[in-house]
Amino acid sequence: MVAEWALGLPKLMWQLRDRNLAASTAAAETLRLIGQRTRLLSTAASDTLQASLVTLFCVSVPGKGTVFGPFRQYPSTLQRTVLEAVSYCPRRSERLSLAIRACLSETTCASSIGALVEEILV
């Protein structure tokens, strides 16, 4: 039950973009809490969650190239919360790691965010 609910949070964050930062922050904090308690998600649910998190950063669209998600529009505090949620993902997927790198290579971010990204992606 928790997994089904959690799997919808990245989509909600994508739909909200930066129009409702309080709701996006609540969703990201919830993802972080669920990630901290990894036993709440099966391996398959964790993999599905990571796949849906990719779209928050960027995706490749045929004919358009790279399309960036709402992560770049978030204030640094929300970016940090999202990255902390990602850091709790067990066996982080290569696709998610590549999306994070691609998103952040195209933008400037706070030094604390950059340090967190390097810590996550090492």
PDB file of N, CA and C in Angstrom:
ATOM      1  N   MET A   1       0.818  -1.187   0.000  1.00  0.00           N
ATOM      2  CA  MET A   1       0.000   0.000   0.000  1.00  0.00           C
ATOM      3  C   MET A   1       0.873   1.266   0.000  1.00  0.00           C
ATOM      4  N   VAL A   2       1.897   1.269   0.827  1.00  0.00           N
ATOM      5  CA  VAL A   2       2.812   2.410   0.872  1.00  0.00           C
ATOM      6  C   VAL A   2       3.515   2.569  -0.466  1.00  0.00           C
ATOM      7  N   ALA A   3       3.907   1.455  -1.060  1.00  0.00           N
ATOM      8  CA  ALA A   3       4.629   1.501  -2.332  1.00  0.00           C
ATOM      9  C   ALA A   3       3.780   2.147  -3.416  1.00  0.00           C
ATOM     10  N   GLU A   4       2.521   1.741  -3.523  1.00  0.00           N
ATOM     11  CA  GLU A   4       1.650   2.318  -4.550  1.00  0.00           C
ATOM     12  C   GLU A   4       1.539   3.828  -4.378  1.00  0.00           C
ATOM     13  N   TRP A   5       1.389   4.256  -3.154  1.00  0.00           N
ATOM     14  CA  TRP A   5       1.250   5.683  -2.876  1.00  0.00           C
ATOM     15  C   TRP A   5       2.563   6.411  -3.178  1.00  0.00           C
ATOM     16  N   ALA A   6       3.678   5.833  -2.748  1.00  0.00           N
ATOM     17  CA  ALA A   6       4.985   6.470  -2.946  1.00  0.00           C
ATOM     18  C   ALA A   6       5.342   6.576  -4.422  1.00  0.00           C
ATOM     19  N   LEU A   7       4.959   5.585  -5.203  1.00  0.00           N
ATOM     20  CA  LEU A   7       5.316   5.583  -6.623  1.00  0.00           C
ATOM     21  C   LEU A   7       4.647   6.722  -7.381  1.00  0.00           C
ATOM     22  N   GLY A   8       3.575   7.268  -6.845  1.00  0.00           N
ATOM     23  CA  GLY A   8       2.905   8.392  -7.493  1.00  0.00           C
ATOM     24  C   GLY A   8       3.501   9.753  -7.157  1.00  0.00           C
ATOM     25  N   LEU A   9       4.348   9.824  -6.155  1.00  0.00           N
ATOM     26  CA  LEU A   9       4.888  11.114  -5.714  1.00  0.00           C
ATOM     27  C   LEU A   9       5.786  11.799  -6.748  1.00  0.00           C
ATOM     28  N   PRO A  10       6.696  11.088  -7.427  1.00  0.00           N
ATOM     29  CA  PRO A  10       7.493  11.783  -8.454  1.00  0.00           C
ATOM     30  C   PRO A  10       6.630  12.361  -9.574  1.00  0.00           C
ATOM     31  N   LYS A  11       5.596  11.646  -9.967  1.00  0.00           N
ATOM     32  CA  LYS A  11       4.698  12.159 -11.006  1.00  0.00           C
ATOM     33  C   LYS A  11       3.989  13.422 -10.517  1.00  0.00           C
ATOM     34  N   LEU A  12       3.546  13.399  -9.269  1.00  0.00           N
ATOM     35  CA  LEU A  12       2.905  14.584  -8.690  1.00  0.00           C
ATOM     36  C   LEU A  12       3.870  15.762  -8.695  1.00  0.00           C
ATOM     37  N   MET A  13       5.108  15.525  -8.305  1.00  0.00           N
ATOM     38  CA  MET A  13       6.107  16.597  -8.278  1.00  0.00           C
ATOM     39  C   MET A  13       6.349  17.134  -9.689  1.00  0.00           C
ATOM     40  N   TRP A  14       6.377  16.248 -10.669  1.00  0.00           N
ATOM     41  CA  TRP A  14       6.583  16.683 -12.046  1.00  0.00           C
ATOM     42  C   TRP A  14       5.408  17.538 -12.512  1.00  0.00           C
ATOM     43  N   GLN A  15       4.203  17.128 -12.175  1.00  0.00           N
ATOM     44  CA  GLN A  15       3.022  17.882 -12.588  1.00  0.00           C
ATOM     45  C   GLN A  15       2.960  19.246 -11.899  1.00  0.00           C
ATOM     46  N   LEU A  16       3.357  19.296 -10.642  1.00  0.00           N
ATOM     47  CA  LEU A  16       3.327  20.562  -9.899  1.00  0.00           C
ATOM     48  C   LEU A  16       4.420  21.519 -10.361  1.00  0.00           C
ATOM     49  N   ARG A  17       5.544  20.950 -10.799  1.00  0.00           N
ATOM     50  CA  ARG A  17       6.716  21.739 -11.157  1.00  0.00           C
ATOM     51  C   ARG A  17       7.038  22.710 -10.030  1.00  0.00           C
ATOM     52  N   ASP A  18       7.122  24.014 -10.338  1.00  0.00           N
ATOM     53  CA  ASP A  18       7.410  24.992  -9.279  1.00  0.00           C
ATOM     54  C   ASP A  18       6.177  25.816  -8.930  1.00  0.00           C
ATOM     55  N   ARG A  19       5.009  25.317  -9.291  1.00  0.00           N
ATOM     56  CA  ARG A  19       3.768  26.062  -9.028  1.00  0.00           C
ATOM     57  C   ARG A  19       3.286  25.924  -7.593  1.00  0.00           C
ATOM     58  N   ASN A  20       3.658  24.854  -6.918  1.00  0.00           N
ATOM     59  CA  ASN A  20       3.260  24.663  -5.528  1.00  0.00           C
ATOM     60  C   ASN A  20       4.434  24.038  -4.784  1.00  0.00           C
ATOM     61  N   LEU A  21       5.345  24.899  -4.372  1.00  0.00           N
ATOM     62  CA  LEU A  21       6.579  24.412  -3.752  1.00  0.00           C
ATOM     63  C   LEU A  21       6.327  23.718  -2.423  1.00  0.00           C
ATOM     64  N   ALA A  22       5.292  24.138  -1.696  1.00  0.00           N
ATOM     65  CA  ALA A  22       4.991  23.486  -0.416  1.00  0.00           C
ATOM     66  C   ALA A  22       4.590  22.028  -0.642  1.00  0.00           C
ATOM     67  N   ALA A  23       3.758  21.785  -1.633  1.00  0.00           N
ATOM     68  CA  ALA A  23       3.336  20.409  -1.931  1.00  0.00           C
ATOM     69  C   ALA A  23       4.501  19.589  -2.474  1.00  0.00           C
ATOM     70  N   SER A  24       5.313  20.186  -3.336  1.00  0.00           N
ATOM     71  CA  SER A  24       6.482  19.478  -3.871  1.00  0.00           C
ATOM     72  C   SER A  24       7.466  19.142  -2.752  1.00  0.00           C
ATOM     73  N   THR A  25       7.647  20.058  -1.831  1.00  0.00           N
ATOM     74  CA  THR A  25       8.536  19.819  -0.696  1.00  0.00           C
ATOM     75  C   THR A  25       8.001  18.688   0.177  1.00  0.00           C
ATOM     76  N   ALA A  26       6.705  18.692   0.436  1.00  0.00           N
ATOM     77  CA  ALA A  26       6.100  17.624   1.240  1.00  0.00           C
ATOM     78  C   ALA A  26       6.278  16.272   0.551  1.00  0.00           C
ATOM     79  N   ALA A  27       6.099  16.230  -0.760  1.00  0.00           N
ATOM     80  CA  ALA A  27       6.272  14.983  -1.511  1.00  0.00           C
ATOM     81  C   ALA A  27       7.724  14.514  -1.441  1.00  0.00           C
ATOM     82  N   ALA A  28       8.665  15.430  -1.620  1.00  0.00           N
ATOM     83  CA  ALA A  28      10.084  15.071  -1.571  1.00  0.00           C
ATOM     84  C   ALA A  28      10.488  14.595  -0.177  1.00  0.00           C
ATOM     85  N   GLU A  29       9.987  15.256   0.846  1.00  0.00           N
ATOM     86  CA  GLU A  29      10.297  14.838   2.217  1.00  0.00           C
ATOM     87  C   GLU A  29       9.718  13.460   2.509  1.00  0.00           C
ATOM     88  N   THR A  30       8.539  13.190   1.970  1.00  0.00           N
ATOM     89  CA  THR A  30       7.932  11.870   2.142  1.00  0.00           C
ATOM     90  C   THR A  30       8.763  10.810   1.446  1.00  0.00           C
ATOM     91  N   LEU A  31       9.225  11.104   0.231  1.00  0.00           N
ATOM     92  CA  LEU A  31      10.096  10.164  -0.469  1.00  0.00           C
ATOM     93  C   LEU A  31      11.382   9.907   0.312  1.00  0.00           C
ATOM     94  N   ARG A  32      11.912  10.954   0.904  1.00  0.00           N
ATOM     95  CA  ARG A  32      13.134  10.796   1.700  1.00  0.00           C
ATOM     96  C   ARG A  32      12.874   9.882   2.906  1.00  0.00           C
ATOM     97  N   LEU A  33      11.749  10.089   3.586  1.00  0.00           N
ATOM     98  CA  LEU A  33      11.414   9.257   4.746  1.00  0.00           C
ATOM     99  C   LEU A  33      11.181   7.802   4.346  1.00  0.00           C
ATOM    100  N   ILE A  34      10.513   7.596   3.224  1.00  0.00           N
ATOM    101  CA  ILE A  34      10.285   6.234   2.741  1.00  0.00           C
ATOM    102  C   ILE A  34      11.613   5.594   2.364  1.00  0.00           C
ATOM    103  N   GLY A  35      12.488   6.363   1.734  1.00  0.00           N
ATOM    104  CA  GLY A  35      13.808   5.856   1.368  1.00  0.00           C
ATOM    105  C   GLY A  35      14.629   5.458   2.580  1.00  0.00           C
ATOM    106  N   GLN A  36      14.499   6.210   3.650  1.00  0.00           N
ATOM    107  CA  GLN A  36      15.238   5.896   4.872  1.00  0.00           C
ATOM    108  C   GLN A  36      14.774   4.569   5.461  1.00  0.00           C
ATOM    109  N   ARG A  37      13.554   4.218   5.171  1.00  0.00           N
ATOM    110  CA  ARG A  37      12.986   2.963   5.664  1.00  0.00           C
ATOM    111  C   ARG A  37      12.822   2.011   4.480  1.00  0.00           C
ATOM    112  N   THR A  38      13.946   1.552   3.958  1.00  0.00           N
ATOM    113  CA  THR A  38      13.956   0.790   2.705  1.00  0.00           C
ATOM    114  C   THR A  38      13.094  -0.461   2.763  1.00  0.00           C
ATOM    115  N   ARG A  39      12.833  -0.958   3.919  1.00  0.00           N
ATOM    116  CA  ARG A  39      12.025  -2.177   3.990  1.00  0.00           C
ATOM    117  C   ARG A  39      10.572  -1.920   3.582  1.00  0.00           C
ATOM    118  N   LEU A  40      10.186  -0.643   3.454  1.00  0.00           N
ATOM    119  CA  LEU A  40       8.827  -0.326   3.030  1.00  0.00           C
ATOM    120  C   LEU A  40       8.610  -0.586   1.545  1.00  0.00           C
ATOM    121  N   LEU A  41       9.701  -0.649   0.787  1.00  0.00           N
ATOM    122  CA  LEU A  41       9.597  -0.869  -0.656  1.00  0.00           C
ATOM    123  C   LEU A  41      10.300  -2.166  -1.049  1.00  0.00           C
ATOM    124  N   SER A  42       9.649  -2.933  -1.891  1.00  0.00           N
ATOM    125  CA  SER A  42      10.290  -4.128  -2.438  1.00  0.00           C
ATOM    126  C   SER A  42      11.360  -3.671  -3.433  1.00  0.00           C
ATOM    127  N   THR A  43      12.176  -4.594  -3.873  1.00  0.00           N
ATOM    128  CA  THR A  43      13.201  -4.272  -4.863  1.00  0.00           C
ATOM    129  C   THR A  43      12.561  -3.760  -6.145  1.00  0.00           C
ATOM    130  N   ALA A  44      11.488  -4.404  -6.578  1.00  0.00           N
ATOM    131  CA  ALA A  44      10.798  -3.978  -7.801  1.00  0.00           C
ATOM    132  C   ALA A  44      10.208  -2.575  -7.637  1.00  0.00           C
ATOM    133  N   ALA A  45       9.624  -2.301  -6.475  1.00  0.00           N
ATOM    134  CA  ALA A  45       9.050  -0.975  -6.230  1.00  0.00           C
ATOM    135  C   ALA A  45      10.144   0.081  -6.189  1.00  0.00           C
ATOM    136  N   SER A  46      11.280  -0.245  -5.596  1.00  0.00           N
ATOM    137  CA  SER A  46      12.397   0.693  -5.553  1.00  0.00           C
ATOM    138  C   SER A  46      12.911   0.995  -6.955  1.00  0.00           C
ATOM    139  N   ASP A  47      12.994  -0.035  -7.790  1.00  0.00           N
ATOM    140  CA  ASP A  47      13.431   0.166  -9.175  1.00  0.00           C
ATOM    141  C   ASP A  47      12.446   1.043  -9.945  1.00  0.00           C
ATOM    142  N   THR A  48      11.161   0.808  -9.735  1.00  0.00           N
ATOM    143  CA  THR A  48      10.125   1.617 -10.391  1.00  0.00           C
ATOM    144  C   THR A  48      10.185   3.061  -9.907  1.00  0.00           C
ATOM    145  N   LEU A  49      10.404   3.239  -8.618  1.00  0.00           N
ATOM    146  CA  LEU A  49      10.516   4.587  -8.062  1.00  0.00           C
ATOM    147  C   LEU A  49      11.698   5.326  -8.684  1.00  0.00           C
ATOM    148  N   GLN A  50      12.823   4.656  -8.801  1.00  0.00           N
ATOM    149  CA  GLN A  50      13.995   5.294  -9.401  1.00  0.00           C
ATOM    150  C   GLN A  50      13.731   5.680 -10.854  1.00  0.00           C
ATOM    151  N   ALA A  51      13.054   4.818 -11.582  1.00  0.00           N
ATOM    152  CA  ALA A  51      12.726   5.126 -12.977  1.00  0.00           C
ATOM    153  C   ALA A  51      11.838   6.359 -13.069  1.00  0.00           C
ATOM    154  N   SER A  52      10.918   6.508 -12.127  1.00  0.00           N
ATOM    155  CA  SER A  52      10.044   7.684 -12.171  1.00  0.00           C
ATOM    156  C   SER A  52      10.751   8.942 -11.680  1.00  0.00           C
ATOM    157  N   LEU A  53      11.776   8.787 -10.866  1.00  0.00           N
ATOM    158  CA  LEU A  53      12.555   9.945 -10.412  1.00  0.00           C
ATOM    159  C   LEU A  53      13.390  10.535 -11.545  1.00  0.00           C
ATOM    160  N   VAL A  54      13.748   9.725 -12.516  1.00  0.00           N
ATOM    161  CA  VAL A  54      14.561  10.190 -13.653  1.00  0.00           C
ATOM    162  C   VAL A  54      13.920  11.410 -14.309  1.00  0.00           C
ATOM    163  N   THR A  55      12.604  11.391 -14.465  1.00  0.00           N
ATOM    164  CA  THR A  55      11.926  12.479 -15.175  1.00  0.00           C
ATOM    165  C   THR A  55      11.997  13.810 -14.428  1.00  0.00           C
ATOM    166  N   LEU A  56      12.255  13.782 -13.134  1.00  0.00           N
ATOM    167  CA  LEU A  56      12.426  15.047 -12.401  1.00  0.00           C
ATOM    168  C   LEU A  56      13.691  15.772 -12.855  1.00  0.00           C
ATOM    169  N   PHE A  57      14.654  15.022 -13.357  1.00  0.00           N
ATOM    170  CA  PHE A  57      15.931  15.594 -13.774  1.00  0.00           C
ATOM    171  C   PHE A  57      15.952  15.863 -15.271  1.00  0.00           C
ATOM    172  N   CYS A  58      15.865  14.826 -16.079  1.00  0.00           N
ATOM    173  CA  CYS A  58      15.822  15.005 -17.531  1.00  0.00           C
ATOM    174  C   CYS A  58      15.556  13.684 -18.227  1.00  0.00           C
ATOM    175  N   VAL A  59      15.065  13.792 -19.431  1.00  0.00           N
ATOM    176  CA  VAL A  59      14.847  12.620 -20.277  1.00  0.00           C
ATOM    177  C   VAL A  59      15.246  12.983 -21.700  1.00  0.00           C
ATOM    178  N   SER A  60      15.567  11.968 -22.474  1.00  0.00           N
ATOM    179  CA  SER A  60      15.860  12.172 -23.894  1.00  0.00           C
ATOM    180  C   SER A  60      14.597  11.902 -24.679  1.00  0.00           C
ATOM    181  N   VAL A  61      14.196  12.876 -25.474  1.00  0.00           N
ATOM    182  CA  VAL A  61      13.002  12.748 -26.288  1.00  0.00           C
ATOM    183  C   VAL A  61      13.437  12.731 -27.752  1.00  0.00           C
ATOM    184  N   PRO A  62      13.078  11.666 -28.474  1.00  0.00           N
ATOM    185  CA  PRO A  62      13.465  11.604 -29.888  1.00  0.00           C
ATOM    186  C   PRO A  62      12.972  12.838 -30.652  1.00  0.00           C
ATOM    187  N   GLY A  63      13.850  13.415 -31.415  1.00  0.00           N
ATOM    188  CA  GLY A  63      13.504  14.595 -32.197  1.00  0.00           C
ATOM    189  C   GLY A  63      13.629  15.907 -31.439  1.00  0.00           C
ATOM    190  N   LYS A  64      13.692  15.846 -30.109  1.00  0.00           N
ATOM    191  CA  LYS A  64      13.816  17.062 -29.295  1.00  0.00           C
ATOM    192  C   LYS A  64      15.128  17.122 -28.542  1.00  0.00           C
ATOM    193  N   GLY A  65      15.705  15.983 -28.287  1.00  0.00           N
ATOM    194  CA  GLY A  65      16.927  15.941 -27.501  1.00  0.00           C
ATOM    195  C   GLY A  65      16.608  15.827 -26.017  1.00  0.00           C
ATOM    196  N   THR A  66      17.428  16.434 -25.204  1.00  0.00           N
ATOM    197  CA  THR A  66      17.251  16.367 -23.757  1.00  0.00           C
ATOM    198  C   THR A  66      16.213  17.388 -23.310  1.00  0.00           C
ATOM    199  N   VAL A  67      15.243  16.895 -22.559  1.00  0.00           N
ATOM    200  CA  VAL A  67      14.210  17.759 -21.978  1.00  0.00           C
ATOM    201  C   VAL A  67      14.392  17.705 -20.470  1.00  0.00           C
ATOM    202  N   PHE A  68      14.579  18.863 -19.868  1.00  0.00           N
ATOM    203  CA  PHE A  68      14.840  18.916 -18.437  1.00  0.00           C
ATOM    204  C   PHE A  68      13.537  18.957 -17.651  1.00  0.00           C
ATOM    205  N   GLY A  69      13.547  18.261 -16.534  1.00  0.00           N
ATOM    206  CA  GLY A  69      12.394  18.218 -15.641  1.00  0.00           C
ATOM    207  C   GLY A  69      12.396  19.398 -14.689  1.00  0.00           C
ATOM    208  N   PRO A  70      11.518  19.375 -13.731  1.00  0.00           N
ATOM    209  CA  PRO A  70      11.355  20.519 -12.828  1.00  0.00           C
ATOM    210  C   PRO A  70      12.467  20.705 -11.806  1.00  0.00           C
ATOM    211  N   PHE A  71      13.350  19.739 -11.643  1.00  0.00           N
ATOM    212  CA  PHE A  71      14.397  19.846 -10.632  1.00  0.00           C
ATOM    213  C   PHE A  71      15.154  21.156 -10.745  1.00  0.00           C
ATOM    214  N   ARG A  72      15.459  21.566 -11.952  1.00  0.00           N
ATOM    215  CA  ARG A  72      16.235  22.795 -12.167  1.00  0.00           C
ATOM    216  C   ARG A  72      15.486  24.048 -11.731  1.00  0.00           C
ATOM    217  N   GLN A  73      14.161  23.975 -11.671  1.00  0.00           N
ATOM    218  CA  GLN A  73      13.352  25.121 -11.277  1.00  0.00           C
ATOM    219  C   GLN A  73      13.182  25.219  -9.761  1.00  0.00           C
ATOM    220  N   TYR A  74      13.513  24.150  -9.061  1.00  0.00           N
ATOM    221  CA  TYR A  74      13.321  24.132  -7.611  1.00  0.00           C
ATOM    222  C   TYR A  74      14.343  25.017  -6.906  1.00  0.00           C
ATOM    223  N   PRO A  75      13.945  25.600  -5.777  1.00  0.00           N
ATOM    224  CA  PRO A  75      14.934  26.299  -4.947  1.00  0.00           C
ATOM    225  C   PRO A  75      15.918  25.278  -4.376  1.00  0.00           C
ATOM    226  N   SER A  76      17.073  25.744  -3.950  1.00  0.00           N
ATOM    227  CA  SER A  76      18.127  24.832  -3.499  1.00  0.00           C
ATOM    228  C   SER A  76      17.695  23.948  -2.329  1.00  0.00           C
ATOM    229  N   THR A  77      16.818  24.423  -1.464  1.00  0.00           N
ATOM    230  CA  THR A  77      16.376  23.587  -0.341  1.00  0.00           C
ATOM    231  C   THR A  77      15.578  22.384  -0.833  1.00  0.00           C
ATOM    232  N   LEU A  78      14.739  22.594  -1.825  1.00  0.00           N
ATOM    233  CA  LEU A  78      13.967  21.483  -2.383  1.00  0.00           C
ATOM    234  C   LEU A  78      14.870  20.566  -3.214  1.00  0.00           C
ATOM    235  N   GLN A  79      15.813  21.140  -3.934  1.00  0.00           N
ATOM    236  CA  GLN A  79      16.765  20.314  -4.672  1.00  0.00           C
ATOM    237  C   GLN A  79      17.496  19.377  -3.712  1.00  0.00           C
ATOM    238  N   ARG A  80      17.911  19.926  -2.591  1.00  0.00           N
ATOM    239  CA  ARG A  80      18.631  19.123  -1.601  1.00  0.00           C
ATOM    240  C   ARG A  80      17.754  17.993  -1.073  1.00  0.00           C
ATOM    241  N   THR A  81      16.488  18.265  -0.793  1.00  0.00           N
ATOM    242  CA  THR A  81      15.582  17.239  -0.283  1.00  0.00           C
ATOM    243  C   THR A  81      15.397  16.124  -1.308  1.00  0.00           C
ATOM    244  N   VAL A  82      15.242  16.504  -2.579  1.00  0.00           N
ATOM    245  CA  VAL A  82      15.102  15.498  -3.641  1.00  0.00           C
ATOM    246  C   VAL A  82      16.367  14.643  -3.720  1.00  0.00           C
ATOM    247  N   LEU A  83      17.511  15.281  -3.690  1.00  0.00           N
ATOM    248  CA  LEU A  83      18.777  14.533  -3.763  1.00  0.00           C
ATOM    249  C   LEU A  83      18.983  13.637  -2.546  1.00  0.00           C
ATOM    250  N   GLU A  84      18.547  14.085  -1.387  1.00  0.00           N
ATOM    251  CA  GLU A  84      18.636  13.238  -0.199  1.00  0.00           C
ATOM    252  C   GLU A  84      17.733  12.012  -0.353  1.00  0.00           C
ATOM    253  N   ALA A  85      16.553  12.203  -0.938  1.00  0.00           N
ATOM    254  CA  ALA A  85      15.666  11.058  -1.203  1.00  0.00           C
ATOM    255  C   ALA A  85      16.349  10.080  -2.147  1.00  0.00           C
ATOM    256  N   VAL A  86      17.009  10.598  -3.167  1.00  0.00           N
ATOM    257  CA  VAL A  86      17.733   9.742  -4.117  1.00  0.00           C
ATOM    258  C   VAL A  86      18.862   9.001  -3.405  1.00  0.00           C
ATOM    259  N   SER A  87      19.517   9.671  -2.481  1.00  0.00           N
ATOM    260  CA  SER A  87      20.662   9.045  -1.804  1.00  0.00           C
ATOM    261  C   SER A  87      20.269   7.800  -1.014  1.00  0.00           C
ATOM    262  N   TYR A  88      19.004   7.691  -0.631  1.00  0.00           N
ATOM    263  CA  TYR A  88      18.550   6.525   0.120  1.00  0.00           C
ATOM    264  C   TYR A  88      18.095   5.375  -0.775  1.00  0.00           C
ATOM    265  N   CYS A  89      18.088   5.593  -2.082  1.00  0.00           N
ATOM    266  CA  CYS A  89      17.700   4.514  -2.991  1.00  0.00           C
ATOM    267  C   CYS A  89      18.783   3.443  -2.972  1.00  0.00           C
ATOM    268  N   PRO A  90      18.402   2.212  -2.666  1.00  0.00           N
ATOM    269  CA  PRO A  90      19.399   1.144  -2.708  1.00  0.00           C
ATOM    270  C   PRO A  90      19.740   0.824  -4.166  1.00  0.00           C
ATOM    271  N   ARG A  91      20.952   0.456  -4.406  1.00  0.00           N
ATOM    272  CA  ARG A  91      21.381   0.090  -5.763  1.00  0.00           C
ATOM    273  C   ARG A  91      20.914   1.119  -6.789  1.00  0.00           C
ATOM    274  N   ARG A  92      21.348   2.322  -6.659  1.00  0.00           N
ATOM    275  CA  ARG A  92      20.933   3.414  -7.550  1.00  0.00           C
ATOM    276  C   ARG A  92      21.125   3.025  -9.006  1.00  0.00           C
ATOM    277  N   SER A  93      20.119   3.260  -9.812  1.00  0.00           N
ATOM    278  CA  SER A  93      20.181   2.877 -11.221  1.00  0.00           C
ATOM    279  C   SER A  93      21.123   3.799 -11.991  1.00  0.00           C
ATOM    280  N   GLU A  94      21.749   3.226 -12.999  1.00  0.00           N
ATOM    281  CA  GLU A  94      22.652   3.994 -13.858  1.00  0.00           C
ATOM    282  C   GLU A  94      21.879   5.090 -14.582  1.00  0.00           C
ATOM    283  N   ARG A  95      20.658   4.781 -14.987  1.00  0.00           N
ATOM    284  CA  ARG A  95      19.831   5.764 -15.701  1.00  0.00           C
ATOM    285  C   ARG A  95      19.557   6.987 -14.825  1.00  0.00           C
ATOM    286  N   LEU A  96      19.257   6.770 -13.559  1.00  0.00           N
ATOM    287  CA  LEU A  96      19.006   7.880 -12.641  1.00  0.00           C
ATOM    288  C   LEU A  96      20.282   8.683 -12.431  1.00  0.00           C
ATOM    289  N   SER A  97      21.399   8.016 -12.257  1.00  0.00           N
ATOM    290  CA  SER A  97      22.677   8.719 -12.068  1.00  0.00           C
ATOM    291  C   SER A  97      23.017   9.579 -13.281  1.00  0.00           C
ATOM    292  N   LEU A  98      22.812   9.032 -14.470  1.00  0.00           N
ATOM    293  CA  LEU A  98      23.080   9.793 -15.702  1.00  0.00           C
ATOM    294  C   LEU A  98      22.157  10.997 -15.824  1.00  0.00           C
ATOM    295  N   ALA A  99      20.900  10.840 -15.453  1.00  0.00           N
ATOM    296  CA  ALA A  99      19.950  11.954 -15.532  1.00  0.00           C
ATOM    297  C   ALA A  99      20.344  13.078 -14.574  1.00  0.00           C
ATOM    298  N   ILE A 100      20.778  12.713 -13.386  1.00  0.00           N
ATOM    299  CA  ILE A 100      21.209  13.724 -12.409  1.00  0.00           C
ATOM    300  C   ILE A 100      22.429  14.472 -12.945  1.00  0.00           C
ATOM    301  N   ARG A 101      23.403  13.735 -13.430  1.00  0.00           N
ATOM    302  CA  ARG A 101      24.608  14.380 -13.978  1.00  0.00           C
ATOM    303  C   ARG A 101      24.269  15.301 -15.142  1.00  0.00           C
ATOM    304  N   ALA A 102      23.434  14.828 -16.053  1.00  0.00           N
ATOM    305  CA  ALA A 102      23.069  15.638 -17.220  1.00  0.00           C
ATOM    306  C   ALA A 102      22.340  16.902 -16.797  1.00  0.00           C
ATOM    307  N   CYS A 103      21.445  16.792 -15.862  1.00  0.00           N
ATOM    308  CA  CYS A 103      20.678  17.946 -15.389  1.00  0.00           C
ATOM    309  C   CYS A 103      21.590  18.971 -14.740  1.00  0.00           C
ATOM    310  N   LEU A 104      22.492  18.515 -13.909  1.00  0.00           N
ATOM    311  CA  LEU A 104      23.331  19.449 -13.161  1.00  0.00           C
ATOM    312  C   LEU A 104      24.529  19.947 -13.954  1.00  0.00           C
ATOM    313  N   SER A 105      24.887  19.248 -15.025  1.00  0.00           N
ATOM    314  CA  SER A 105      25.987  19.742 -15.838  1.00  0.00           C
ATOM    315  C   SER A 105      25.552  20.949 -16.665  1.00  0.00           C
ATOM    316  N   GLU A 106      24.262  21.115 -16.832  1.00  0.00           N
ATOM    317  CA  GLU A 106      23.712  22.199 -17.644  1.00  0.00           C
ATOM    318  C   GLU A 106      23.293  23.417 -16.820  1.00  0.00           C
ATOM    319  N   THR A 107      23.469  23.364 -15.528  1.00  0.00           N
ATOM    320  CA  THR A 107      22.991  24.452 -14.683  1.00  0.00           C
ATOM    321  C   THR A 107      23.962  24.708 -13.542  1.00  0.00           C
ATOM    322  N   THR A 108      23.874  25.863 -12.977  1.00  0.00           N
ATOM    323  CA  THR A 108      24.656  26.145 -11.790  1.00  0.00           C
ATOM    324  C   THR A 108      23.798  25.832 -10.572  1.00  0.00           C
ATOM    325  N   CYS A 109      24.413  25.341  -9.557  1.00  0.00           N
ATOM    326  CA  CYS A 109      23.674  25.023  -8.338  1.00  0.00           C
ATOM    327  C   CYS A 109      24.529  25.415  -7.141  1.00  0.00           C
ATOM    328  N   ALA A 110      23.890  25.480  -6.010  1.00  0.00           N
ATOM    329  CA  ALA A 110      24.593  25.838  -4.783  1.00  0.00           C
ATOM    330  C   ALA A 110      25.714  24.827  -4.532  1.00  0.00           C
ATOM    331  N   SER A 111      26.778  25.275  -3.923  1.00  0.00           N
ATOM    332  CA  SER A 111      27.924  24.394  -3.690  1.00  0.00           C
ATOM    333  C   SER A 111      27.544  23.196  -2.826  1.00  0.00           C
ATOM    334  N   SER A 112      26.612  23.395  -1.887  1.00  0.00           N
ATOM    335  CA  SER A 112      26.196  22.275  -1.041  1.00  0.00           C
ATOM    336  C   SER A 112      25.462  21.219  -1.864  1.00  0.00           C
ATOM    337  N   ILE A 113      24.735  21.649  -2.892  1.00  0.00           N
ATOM    338  CA  ILE A 113      24.030  20.721  -3.774  1.00  0.00           C
ATOM    339  C   ILE A 113      25.056  19.955  -4.606  1.00  0.00           C
ATOM    340  N   GLY A 114      26.032  20.666  -5.144  1.00  0.00           N
ATOM    341  CA  GLY A 114      27.077  20.016  -5.935  1.00  0.00           C
ATOM    342  C   GLY A 114      27.837  18.989  -5.122  1.00  0.00           C
ATOM    343  N   ALA A 115      28.129  19.325  -3.869  1.00  0.00           N
ATOM    344  CA  ALA A 115      28.842  18.391  -2.998  1.00  0.00           C
ATOM    345  C   ALA A 115      27.989  17.162  -2.723  1.00  0.00           C
ATOM    346  N   LEU A 116      26.698  17.359  -2.509  1.00  0.00           N
ATOM    347  CA  LEU A 116      25.794  16.238  -2.258  1.00  0.00           C
ATOM    348  C   LEU A 116      25.703  15.334  -3.481  1.00  0.00           C
ATOM    349  N   VAL A 117      25.649  15.929  -4.664  1.00  0.00           N
ATOM    350  CA  VAL A 117      25.596  15.148  -5.900  1.00  0.00           C
ATOM    351  C   VAL A 117      26.845  14.299  -6.036  1.00  0.00           C
ATOM    352  N   GLU A 118      27.990  14.883  -5.785  1.00  0.00           N
ATOM    353  CA  GLU A 118      29.234  14.113  -5.885  1.00  0.00           C
ATOM    354  C   GLU A 118      29.257  12.972  -4.876  1.00  0.00           C
ATOM    355  N   GLU A 119      28.735  13.212  -3.693  1.00  0.00           N
ATOM    356  CA  GLU A 119      28.670  12.174  -2.668  1.00  0.00           C
ATOM    357  C   GLU A 119      27.728  11.047  -3.091  1.00  0.00           C
ATOM    358  N   ILE A 120      26.601  11.397  -3.688  1.00  0.00           N
ATOM    359  CA  ILE A 120      25.616  10.415  -4.116  1.00  0.00           C
ATOM    360  C   ILE A 120      26.135   9.584  -5.276  1.00  0.00           C
ATOM    361  N   LEU A 121      26.753  10.232  -6.233  1.00  0.00           N
ATOM    362  CA  LEU A 121      27.113   9.572  -7.480  1.00  0.00           C
ATOM    363  C   LEU A 121      28.461   8.879  -7.469  1.00  0.00           C
ATOM    364  N   VAL A 122      29.168   8.960  -6.370  1.00  0.00           N
ATOM    365  CA  VAL A 122      30.480   8.293  -6.282  1.00  0.00           C
ATOM    366  C   VAL A 122      30.301   6.811  -6.194  1.00  0.00           C
TER     367      VAL A 122
END
